[in-house]
């Protein structure tokens, strides 16, 4: 049985949740475009939409973070923070020219 209050559990959650979150957000964006609710991606807004989808996917880590916080799983919280910081640093590195 996996210990729910461990750094390894947090590392796993912190690494997997944004990836799954990106797939879900991309599916929702494509579904909204197919239904005509959201405009198609143009050349100028394509990079911004991709950047936003990645940022929303990173923010999906707030869900397991808050669950672990409410259950006082401090080691899991610590594990979630490290991959989140890695993803944020990679996001800033990738879009540094667009942001600053």
PDB file of N, CA and C in Angstrom:
ATOM      1  N   UNK A   1       0.848  -1.184   0.000  1.00  0.00           N
ATOM      2  CA  UNK A   1       0.000   0.000   0.000  1.00  0.00           C
ATOM      3  C   UNK A   1       0.885   1.236   0.000  1.00  0.00           C
ATOM      4  N   UNK A   2       0.530   2.209  -0.789  1.00  0.00           N
ATOM      5  CA  UNK A   2       1.297   3.449  -0.885  1.00  0.00           C
ATOM      6  C   UNK A   2       0.957   4.342   0.306  1.00  0.00           C
ATOM      7  N   UNK A   3       2.008   4.892   0.913  1.00  0.00           N
ATOM      8  CA  UNK A   3       1.815   5.847   2.000  1.00  0.00           C
ATOM      9  C   UNK A   3       1.352   7.168   1.397  1.00  0.00           C
ATOM     10  N   UNK A   4       0.189   7.645   1.822  1.00  0.00           N
ATOM     11  CA  UNK A   4      -0.375   8.861   1.245  1.00  0.00           C
ATOM     12  C   UNK A   4       0.369  10.110   1.684  1.00  0.00           C
ATOM     13  N   UNK A   5       1.032  10.062   2.821  1.00  0.00           N
ATOM     14  CA  UNK A   5       1.772  11.212   3.312  1.00  0.00           C
ATOM     15  C   UNK A   5       3.269  10.959   3.133  1.00  0.00           C
ATOM     16  N   UNK A   6       3.696  10.995   1.885  1.00  0.00           N
ATOM     17  CA  UNK A   6       5.112  10.814   1.606  1.00  0.00           C
ATOM     18  C   UNK A   6       5.533  11.761   0.488  1.00  0.00           C
ATOM     19  N   UNK A   7       6.805  12.056   0.465  1.00  0.00           N
ATOM     20  CA  UNK A   7       7.341  12.939  -0.563  1.00  0.00           C
ATOM     21  C   UNK A   7       7.174  12.301  -1.940  1.00  0.00           C
ATOM     22  N   UNK A   8       7.339  10.996  -2.036  1.00  0.00           N
ATOM     23  CA  UNK A   8       7.236  10.315  -3.328  1.00  0.00           C
ATOM     24  C   UNK A   8       5.830  10.412  -3.901  1.00  0.00           C
ATOM     25  N   UNK A   9       4.833  10.307  -3.043  1.00  0.00           N
ATOM     26  CA  UNK A   9       3.454  10.472  -3.505  1.00  0.00           C
ATOM     27  C   UNK A   9       3.244  11.882  -4.041  1.00  0.00           C
ATOM     28  N   UNK A  10       3.767  12.861  -3.335  1.00  0.00           N
ATOM     29  CA  UNK A  10       3.665  14.241  -3.779  1.00  0.00           C
ATOM     30  C   UNK A  10       4.400  14.484  -5.084  1.00  0.00           C
ATOM     31  N   UNK A  11       5.590  13.905  -5.221  1.00  0.00           N
ATOM     32  CA  UNK A  11       6.337  14.046  -6.474  1.00  0.00           C
ATOM     33  C   UNK A  11       5.557  13.450  -7.643  1.00  0.00           C
ATOM     34  N   UNK A  12       4.964  12.284  -7.417  1.00  0.00           N
ATOM     35  CA  UNK A  12       4.176  11.636  -8.470  1.00  0.00           C
ATOM     36  C   UNK A  12       2.961  12.481  -8.840  1.00  0.00           C
ATOM     37  N   UNK A  13       2.232  12.951  -7.828  1.00  0.00           N
ATOM     38  CA  UNK A  13       1.066  13.791  -8.097  1.00  0.00           C
ATOM     39  C   UNK A  13       1.466  15.089  -8.789  1.00  0.00           C
ATOM     40  N   UNK A  14       2.527  15.721  -8.298  1.00  0.00           N
ATOM     41  CA  UNK A  14       2.968  16.987  -8.859  1.00  0.00           C
ATOM     42  C   UNK A  14       3.456  16.875 -10.293  1.00  0.00           C
ATOM     43  N   UNK A  15       3.950  15.705 -10.673  1.00  0.00           N
ATOM     44  CA  UNK A  15       4.439  15.512 -12.037  1.00  0.00           C
ATOM     45  C   UNK A  15       3.336  15.071 -12.994  1.00  0.00           C
ATOM     46  N   UNK A  16       2.369  14.303 -12.523  1.00  0.00           N
ATOM     47  CA  UNK A  16       1.358  13.718 -13.404  1.00  0.00           C
ATOM     48  C   UNK A  16       0.142  14.629 -13.595  1.00  0.00           C
ATOM     49  N   UNK A  17      -0.288  15.299 -12.539  1.00  0.00           N
ATOM     50  CA  UNK A  17      -1.512  16.109 -12.615  1.00  0.00           C
ATOM     51  C   UNK A  17      -1.437  17.197 -13.696  1.00  0.00           C
ATOM     52  N   UNK A  18      -0.332  17.961 -13.844  1.00  0.00           N
ATOM     53  CA  UNK A  18      -0.304  18.950 -14.927  1.00  0.00           C
ATOM     54  C   UNK A  18      -0.353  18.342 -16.327  1.00  0.00           C
ATOM     55  N   UNK A  19       0.222  17.186 -16.499  1.00  0.00           N
ATOM     56  CA  UNK A  19       0.185  16.532 -17.817  1.00  0.00           C
ATOM     57  C   UNK A  19      -1.257  16.121 -18.152  1.00  0.00           C
ATOM     58  N   UNK A  20      -1.918  15.496 -17.205  1.00  0.00           N
ATOM     59  CA  UNK A  20      -3.316  15.116 -17.409  1.00  0.00           C
ATOM     60  C   UNK A  20      -4.177  16.376 -17.552  1.00  0.00           C
ATOM     61  N   UNK A  21      -3.876  17.388 -16.756  1.00  0.00           N
ATOM     62  CA  UNK A  21      -4.611  18.648 -16.844  1.00  0.00           C
ATOM     63  C   UNK A  21      -4.478  19.297 -18.201  1.00  0.00           C
ATOM     64  N   UNK A  22      -3.293  19.245 -18.800  1.00  0.00           N
ATOM     65  CA  UNK A  22      -3.107  19.820 -20.134  1.00  0.00           C
ATOM     66  C   UNK A  22      -3.950  19.091 -21.161  1.00  0.00           C
ATOM     67  N   UNK A  23      -4.001  17.777 -21.073  1.00  0.00           N
ATOM     68  CA  UNK A  23      -4.807  16.992 -22.019  1.00  0.00           C
ATOM     69  C   UNK A  23      -6.281  17.367 -21.878  1.00  0.00           C
ATOM     70  N   UNK A  24      -6.749  17.510 -20.640  1.00  0.00           N
ATOM     71  CA  UNK A  24      -8.149  17.866 -20.394  1.00  0.00           C
ATOM     72  C   UNK A  24      -8.444  19.274 -20.905  1.00  0.00           C
ATOM     73  N   UNK A  25      -7.574  20.233 -20.608  1.00  0.00           N
ATOM     74  CA  UNK A  25      -7.781  21.618 -21.044  1.00  0.00           C
ATOM     75  C   UNK A  25      -7.747  21.711 -22.563  1.00  0.00           C
ATOM     76  N   UNK A  26      -6.825  21.000 -23.197  1.00  0.00           N
ATOM     77  CA  UNK A  26      -6.762  21.008 -24.656  1.00  0.00           C
ATOM     78  C   UNK A  26      -8.033  20.410 -25.259  1.00  0.00           C
ATOM     79  N   UNK A  27      -8.533  19.338 -24.656  1.00  0.00           N
ATOM     80  CA  UNK A  27      -9.775  18.729 -25.127  1.00  0.00           C
ATOM     81  C   UNK A  27     -10.939  19.709 -25.012  1.00  0.00           C
ATOM     82  N   UNK A  28     -11.020  20.413 -23.886  1.00  0.00           N
ATOM     83  CA  UNK A  28     -12.100  21.382 -23.679  1.00  0.00           C
ATOM     84  C   UNK A  28     -11.994  22.527 -24.682  1.00  0.00           C
ATOM     85  N   UNK A  29     -10.780  23.051 -24.898  1.00  0.00           N
ATOM     86  CA  UNK A  29     -10.596  24.133 -25.865  1.00  0.00           C
ATOM     87  C   UNK A  29     -11.005  23.675 -27.268  1.00  0.00           C
ATOM     88  N   UNK A  30     -10.600  22.474 -27.667  1.00  0.00           N
ATOM     89  CA  UNK A  30     -10.964  21.959 -28.994  1.00  0.00           C
ATOM     90  C   UNK A  30     -12.465  21.733 -29.115  1.00  0.00           C
ATOM     91  N   UNK A  31     -13.075  21.258 -28.030  1.00  0.00           N
ATOM     92  CA  UNK A  31     -14.517  21.047 -28.033  1.00  0.00           C
ATOM     93  C   UNK A  31     -15.256  22.374 -28.177  1.00  0.00           C
ATOM     94  N   UNK A  32     -14.809  23.400 -27.477  1.00  0.00           N
ATOM     95  CA  UNK A  32     -15.435  24.711 -27.587  1.00  0.00           C
ATOM     96  C   UNK A  32     -15.246  25.311 -28.976  1.00  0.00           C
ATOM     97  N   UNK A  33     -14.099  25.060 -29.605  1.00  0.00           N
ATOM     98  CA  UNK A  33     -13.892  25.535 -30.980  1.00  0.00           C
ATOM     99  C   UNK A  33     -14.806  24.795 -31.957  1.00  0.00           C
ATOM    100  N   UNK A  34     -14.977  23.489 -31.761  1.00  0.00           N
ATOM    101  CA  UNK A  34     -15.849  22.713 -32.646  1.00  0.00           C
ATOM    102  C   UNK A  34     -17.302  23.164 -32.537  1.00  0.00           C
ATOM    103  N   UNK A  35     -17.735  23.533 -31.341  1.00  0.00           N
ATOM    104  CA  UNK A  35     -19.102  23.985 -31.126  1.00  0.00           C
ATOM    105  C   UNK A  35     -19.302  25.431 -31.559  1.00  0.00           C
ATOM    106  N   UNK A  36     -18.219  26.142 -31.873  1.00  0.00           N
ATOM    107  CA  UNK A  36     -18.324  27.525 -32.309  1.00  0.00           C
ATOM    108  C   UNK A  36     -18.437  28.525 -31.175  1.00  0.00           C
ATOM    109  N   UNK A  37     -18.228  28.091 -29.949  1.00  0.00           N
ATOM    110  CA  UNK A  37     -18.299  28.987 -28.795  1.00  0.00           C
ATOM    111  C   UNK A  37     -17.037  29.838 -28.696  1.00  0.00           C
ATOM    112  N   UNK A  38     -15.928  29.256 -29.074  1.00  0.00           N
ATOM    113  CA  UNK A  38     -14.648  29.951 -29.012  1.00  0.00           C
ATOM    114  C   UNK A  38     -14.095  30.060 -30.422  1.00  0.00           C
ATOM    115  N   UNK A  39     -13.436  31.181 -30.705  1.00  0.00           N
ATOM    116  CA  UNK A  39     -12.913  31.417 -32.050  1.00  0.00           C
ATOM    117  C   UNK A  39     -11.759  30.475 -32.357  1.00  0.00           C
ATOM    118  N   UNK A  40     -11.602  30.186 -33.639  1.00  0.00           N
ATOM    119  CA  UNK A  40     -10.473  29.374 -34.092  1.00  0.00           C
ATOM    120  C   UNK A  40      -9.162  30.101 -33.790  1.00  0.00           C
ATOM    121  N   UNK A  41      -8.106  29.347 -33.672  1.00  0.00           N
ATOM    122  CA  UNK A  41      -6.794  29.918 -33.392  1.00  0.00           C
ATOM    123  C   UNK A  41      -6.274  30.584 -34.655  1.00  0.00           C
ATOM    124  N   UNK A  42      -5.889  31.852 -34.506  1.00  0.00           N
ATOM    125  CA  UNK A  42      -5.260  32.552 -35.631  1.00  0.00           C
ATOM    126  C   UNK A  42      -3.755  32.561 -35.409  1.00  0.00           C
ATOM    127  N   UNK A  43      -3.026  33.058 -36.362  1.00  0.00           N
ATOM    128  CA  UNK A  43      -1.561  33.038 -36.269  1.00  0.00           C
ATOM    129  C   UNK A  43      -1.066  33.844 -35.079  1.00  0.00           C
ATOM    130  N   UNK A  44      -1.716  34.959 -34.776  1.00  0.00           N
ATOM    131  CA  UNK A  44      -1.258  35.815 -33.684  1.00  0.00           C
ATOM    132  C   UNK A  44      -1.632  35.309 -32.310  1.00  0.00           C
ATOM    133  N   UNK A  45      -2.768  34.611 -32.205  1.00  0.00           N
ATOM    134  CA  UNK A  45      -3.221  34.188 -30.882  1.00  0.00           C
ATOM    135  C   UNK A  45      -2.865  32.741 -30.556  1.00  0.00           C
ATOM    136  N   UNK A  46      -2.306  32.023 -31.491  1.00  0.00           N
ATOM    137  CA  UNK A  46      -1.975  30.614 -31.256  1.00  0.00           C
ATOM    138  C   UNK A  46      -0.974  30.417 -30.140  1.00  0.00           C
ATOM    139  N   UNK A  47       0.072  31.244 -30.102  1.00  0.00           N
ATOM    140  CA  UNK A  47       1.086  31.117 -29.064  1.00  0.00           C
ATOM    141  C   UNK A  47       0.524  31.497 -27.701  1.00  0.00           C
ATOM    142  N   UNK A  48      -0.318  32.529 -27.674  1.00  0.00           N
ATOM    143  CA  UNK A  48      -0.919  32.937 -26.395  1.00  0.00           C
ATOM    144  C   UNK A  48      -1.861  31.860 -25.864  1.00  0.00           C
ATOM    145  N   UNK A  49      -2.616  31.234 -26.750  1.00  0.00           N
ATOM    146  CA  UNK A  49      -3.539  30.185 -26.308  1.00  0.00           C
ATOM    147  C   UNK A  49      -2.761  28.985 -25.767  1.00  0.00           C
ATOM    148  N   UNK A  50      -1.691  28.605 -26.441  1.00  0.00           N
ATOM    149  CA  UNK A  50      -0.855  27.496 -25.970  1.00  0.00           C
ATOM    150  C   UNK A  50      -0.229  27.835 -24.618  1.00  0.00           C
ATOM    151  N   UNK A  51       0.257  29.053 -24.479  1.00  0.00           N
ATOM    152  CA  UNK A  51       0.854  29.506 -23.215  1.00  0.00           C
ATOM    153  C   UNK A  51      -0.180  29.460 -22.091  1.00  0.00           C
ATOM    154  N   UNK A  52      -1.396  29.882 -22.386  1.00  0.00           N
ATOM    155  CA  UNK A  52      -2.454  29.867 -21.383  1.00  0.00           C
ATOM    156  C   UNK A  52      -2.839  28.444 -21.001  1.00  0.00           C
ATOM    157  N   UNK A  53      -2.924  27.566 -21.974  1.00  0.00           N
ATOM    158  CA  UNK A  53      -3.261  26.172 -21.667  1.00  0.00           C
ATOM    159  C   UNK A  53      -2.204  25.535 -20.776  1.00  0.00           C
ATOM    160  N   UNK A  54      -0.937  25.818 -21.054  1.00  0.00           N
ATOM    161  CA  UNK A  54       0.126  25.283 -20.204  1.00  0.00           C
ATOM    162  C   UNK A  54       0.042  25.841 -18.785  1.00  0.00           C
ATOM    163  N   UNK A  55      -0.244  27.116 -18.666  1.00  0.00           N
ATOM    164  CA  UNK A  55      -0.347  27.727 -17.350  1.00  0.00           C
ATOM    165  C   UNK A  55      -1.526  27.169 -16.557  1.00  0.00           C
ATOM    166  N   UNK A  56      -2.650  26.965 -17.217  1.00  0.00           N
ATOM    167  CA  UNK A  56      -3.803  26.355 -16.545  1.00  0.00           C
ATOM    168  C   UNK A  56      -3.471  24.934 -16.103  1.00  0.00           C
ATOM    169  N   UNK A  57      -2.746  24.206 -16.934  1.00  0.00           N
ATOM    170  CA  UNK A  57      -2.353  22.835 -16.568  1.00  0.00           C
ATOM    171  C   UNK A  57      -1.440  22.829 -15.355  1.00  0.00           C
ATOM    172  N   UNK A  58      -0.521  23.779 -15.271  1.00  0.00           N
ATOM    173  CA  UNK A  58       0.350  23.867 -14.092  1.00  0.00           C
ATOM    174  C   UNK A  58      -0.477  24.193 -12.855  1.00  0.00           C
ATOM    175  N   UNK A  59      -1.464  25.067 -13.024  1.00  0.00           N
ATOM    176  CA  UNK A  59      -2.318  25.451 -11.893  1.00  0.00           C
ATOM    177  C   UNK A  59      -3.213  24.307 -11.418  1.00  0.00           C
ATOM    178  N   UNK A  60      -3.354  23.268 -12.209  1.00  0.00           N
ATOM    179  CA  UNK A  60      -4.128  22.098 -11.782  1.00  0.00           C
ATOM    180  C   UNK A  60      -3.504  21.442 -10.545  1.00  0.00           C
ATOM    181  N   UNK A  61      -2.238  21.724 -10.286  1.00  0.00           N
ATOM    182  CA  UNK A  61      -1.594  21.187  -9.085  1.00  0.00           C
ATOM    183  C   UNK A  61      -2.180  21.774  -7.813  1.00  0.00           C
ATOM    184  N   UNK A  62      -2.955  22.841  -7.919  1.00  0.00           N
ATOM    185  CA  UNK A  62      -3.599  23.400  -6.741  1.00  0.00           C
ATOM    186  C   UNK A  62      -4.646  22.452  -6.158  1.00  0.00           C
ATOM    187  N   UNK A  63      -5.227  21.617  -6.997  1.00  0.00           N
ATOM    188  CA  UNK A  63      -6.261  20.689  -6.516  1.00  0.00           C
ATOM    189  C   UNK A  63      -5.666  19.656  -5.551  1.00  0.00           C
ATOM    190  N   UNK A  64      -4.647  18.865  -5.954  1.00  0.00           N
ATOM    191  CA  UNK A  64      -4.088  17.931  -4.971  1.00  0.00           C
ATOM    192  C   UNK A  64      -3.369  18.655  -3.829  1.00  0.00           C
ATOM    193  N   UNK A  65      -2.842  19.844  -4.105  1.00  0.00           N
ATOM    194  CA  UNK A  65      -2.180  20.615  -3.049  1.00  0.00           C
ATOM    195  C   UNK A  65      -3.171  20.960  -1.942  1.00  0.00           C
ATOM    196  N   UNK A  66      -4.353  21.457  -2.315  1.00  0.00           N
ATOM    197  CA  UNK A  66      -5.358  21.808  -1.309  1.00  0.00           C
ATOM    198  C   UNK A  66      -5.922  20.586  -0.602  1.00  0.00           C
ATOM    199  N   UNK A  67      -6.071  19.472  -1.323  1.00  0.00           N
ATOM    200  CA  UNK A  67      -6.527  18.240  -0.678  1.00  0.00           C
ATOM    201  C   UNK A  67      -5.522  17.759   0.365  1.00  0.00           C
ATOM    202  N   UNK A  68      -4.249  17.786   0.004  1.00  0.00           N
ATOM    203  CA  UNK A  68      -3.215  17.361   0.951  1.00  0.00           C
ATOM    204  C   UNK A  68      -3.122  18.328   2.123  1.00  0.00           C
ATOM    205  N   UNK A  69      -3.314  19.600   1.870  1.00  0.00           N
ATOM    206  CA  UNK A  69      -3.262  20.595   2.936  1.00  0.00           C
ATOM    207  C   UNK A  69      -4.407  20.397   3.930  1.00  0.00           C
ATOM    208  N   UNK A  70      -5.609  20.122   3.423  1.00  0.00           N
ATOM    209  CA  UNK A  70      -6.754  19.935   4.315  1.00  0.00           C
ATOM    210  C   UNK A  70      -6.628  18.660   5.149  1.00  0.00           C
ATOM    211  N   UNK A  71      -5.904  17.674   4.632  1.00  0.00           N
ATOM    212  CA  UNK A  71      -5.698  16.431   5.377  1.00  0.00           C
ATOM    213  C   UNK A  71      -4.399  16.434   6.178  1.00  0.00           C
ATOM    214  N   UNK A  72      -3.669  17.549   6.106  1.00  0.00           N
ATOM    215  CA  UNK A  72      -2.412  17.746   6.838  1.00  0.00           C
ATOM    216  C   UNK A  72      -1.339  16.716   6.460  1.00  0.00           C
ATOM    217  N   UNK A  73      -1.246  16.462   5.169  1.00  0.00           N
ATOM    218  CA  UNK A  73      -0.195  15.588   4.652  1.00  0.00           C
ATOM    219  C   UNK A  73       0.978  16.470   4.243  1.00  0.00           C
ATOM    220  N   UNK A  74       1.772  16.838   5.204  1.00  0.00           N
ATOM    221  CA  UNK A  74       2.851  17.800   4.987  1.00  0.00           C
ATOM    222  C   UNK A  74       3.926  17.279   4.033  1.00  0.00           C
ATOM    223  N   UNK A  75       4.250  16.019   4.113  1.00  0.00           N
ATOM    224  CA  UNK A  75       5.270  15.466   3.223  1.00  0.00           C
ATOM    225  C   UNK A  75       4.775  15.432   1.771  1.00  0.00           C
ATOM    226  N   UNK A  76       3.504  15.142   1.583  1.00  0.00           N
ATOM    227  CA  UNK A  76       2.934  15.160   0.240  1.00  0.00           C
ATOM    228  C   UNK A  76       2.951  16.574  -0.327  1.00  0.00           C
ATOM    229  N   UNK A  77       2.630  17.553   0.510  1.00  0.00           N
ATOM    230  CA  UNK A  77       2.704  18.951   0.081  1.00  0.00           C
ATOM    231  C   UNK A  77       4.108  19.299  -0.395  1.00  0.00           C
ATOM    232  N   UNK A  78       5.077  18.884   0.365  1.00  0.00           N
ATOM    233  CA  UNK A  78       6.472  19.146   0.006  1.00  0.00           C
ATOM    234  C   UNK A  78       6.820  18.500  -1.332  1.00  0.00           C
ATOM    235  N   UNK A  79       6.307  17.316  -1.565  1.00  0.00           N
ATOM    236  CA  UNK A  79       6.573  16.630  -2.823  1.00  0.00           C
ATOM    237  C   UNK A  79       5.891  17.285  -4.016  1.00  0.00           C
ATOM    238  N   UNK A  80       4.713  17.854  -3.804  1.00  0.00           N
ATOM    239  CA  UNK A  80       3.996  18.506  -4.901  1.00  0.00           C
ATOM    240  C   UNK A  80       4.696  19.791  -5.318  1.00  0.00           C
ATOM    241  N   UNK A  81       5.307  20.469  -4.380  1.00  0.00           N
ATOM    242  CA  UNK A  81       5.922  21.766  -4.663  1.00  0.00           C
ATOM    243  C   UNK A  81       7.092  21.646  -5.647  1.00  0.00           C
ATOM    244  N   UNK A  82       7.925  20.634  -5.523  1.00  0.00           N
ATOM    245  CA  UNK A  82       9.122  20.525  -6.367  1.00  0.00           C
ATOM    246  C   UNK A  82       8.813  20.383  -7.853  1.00  0.00           C
ATOM    247  N   UNK A  83       7.946  19.459  -8.274  1.00  0.00           N
ATOM    248  CA  UNK A  83       7.638  19.405  -9.710  1.00  0.00           C
ATOM    249  C   UNK A  83       6.913  20.659 -10.200  1.00  0.00           C
ATOM    250  N   UNK A  84       6.095  21.255  -9.333  1.00  0.00           N
ATOM    251  CA  UNK A  84       5.400  22.480  -9.717  1.00  0.00           C
ATOM    252  C   UNK A  84       6.399  23.585 -10.006  1.00  0.00           C
ATOM    253  N   UNK A  85       7.380  23.740  -9.156  1.00  0.00           N
ATOM    254  CA  UNK A  85       8.415  24.752  -9.385  1.00  0.00           C
ATOM    255  C   UNK A  85       9.204  24.455 -10.658  1.00  0.00           C
ATOM    256  N   UNK A  86       9.459  23.185 -10.916  1.00  0.00           N
ATOM    257  CA  UNK A  86      10.150  22.798 -12.150  1.00  0.00           C
ATOM    258  C   UNK A  86       9.318  23.182 -13.367  1.00  0.00           C
ATOM    259  N   UNK A  87       8.010  22.873 -13.345  1.00  0.00           N
ATOM    260  CA  UNK A  87       7.137  23.219 -14.466  1.00  0.00           C
ATOM    261  C   UNK A  87       7.046  24.734 -14.654  1.00  0.00           C
ATOM    262  N   UNK A  88       6.968  25.480 -13.560  1.00  0.00           N
ATOM    263  CA  UNK A  88       6.899  26.942 -13.660  1.00  0.00           C
ATOM    264  C   UNK A  88       8.194  27.491 -14.250  1.00  0.00           C
ATOM    265  N   UNK A  89       9.336  26.972 -13.805  1.00  0.00           N
ATOM    266  CA  UNK A  89      10.622  27.430 -14.344  1.00  0.00           C
ATOM    267  C   UNK A  89      10.725  27.108 -15.838  1.00  0.00           C
ATOM    268  N   UNK A  90      10.258  25.934 -16.238  1.00  0.00           N
ATOM    269  CA  UNK A  90      10.285  25.564 -17.661  1.00  0.00           C
ATOM    270  C   UNK A  90       9.345  26.454 -18.464  1.00  0.00           C
ATOM    271  N   UNK A  91       8.188  26.790 -17.892  1.00  0.00           N
ATOM    272  CA  UNK A  91       7.236  27.669 -18.566  1.00  0.00           C
ATOM    273  C   UNK A  91       7.830  29.068 -18.769  1.00  0.00           C
ATOM    274  N   UNK A  92       8.460  29.591 -17.731  1.00  0.00           N
ATOM    275  CA  UNK A  92       9.090  30.916 -17.832  1.00  0.00           C
ATOM    276  C   UNK A  92      10.234  30.882 -18.843  1.00  0.00           C
ATOM    277  N   UNK A  93      11.037  29.831 -18.813  1.00  0.00           N
ATOM    278  CA  UNK A  93      12.148  29.709 -19.759  1.00  0.00           C
ATOM    279  C   UNK A  93      11.640  29.673 -21.206  1.00  0.00           C
ATOM    280  N   UNK A  94      10.572  28.903 -21.431  1.00  0.00           N
ATOM    281  CA  UNK A  94      10.054  28.748 -22.789  1.00  0.00           C
ATOM    282  C   UNK A  94       9.437  30.049 -23.316  1.00  0.00           C
ATOM    283  N   UNK A  95       8.753  30.794 -22.462  1.00  0.00           N
ATOM    284  CA  UNK A  95       8.033  31.979 -22.902  1.00  0.00           C
ATOM    285  C   UNK A  95       8.665  33.278 -22.398  1.00  0.00           C
ATOM    286  N   UNK A  96       9.932  33.239 -22.058  1.00  0.00           N
ATOM    287  CA  UNK A  96      10.607  34.427 -21.522  1.00  0.00           C
ATOM    288  C   UNK A  96      10.559  35.587 -22.499  1.00  0.00           C
ATOM    289  N   UNK A  97      10.811  35.330 -23.767  1.00  0.00           N
ATOM    290  CA  UNK A  97      10.807  36.389 -24.770  1.00  0.00           C
ATOM    291  C   UNK A  97       9.436  37.026 -24.956  1.00  0.00           C
ATOM    292  N   UNK A  98       8.384  36.249 -24.809  1.00  0.00           N
ATOM    293  CA  UNK A  98       7.030  36.783 -24.947  1.00  0.00           C
ATOM    294  C   UNK A  98       6.594  37.568 -23.714  1.00  0.00           C
ATOM    295  N   UNK A  99       7.139  37.180 -22.574  1.00  0.00           N
ATOM    296  CA  UNK A  99       6.683  37.795 -21.309  1.00  0.00           C
ATOM    297  C   UNK A  99       7.429  39.079 -20.970  1.00  0.00           C
ATOM    298  N   UNK A 100       8.728  39.100 -21.220  1.00  0.00           N
ATOM    299  CA  UNK A 100       9.535  40.251 -20.777  1.00  0.00           C
ATOM    300  C   UNK A 100      10.132  40.983 -21.933  1.00  0.00           C
TER     301      UNK A 100
END
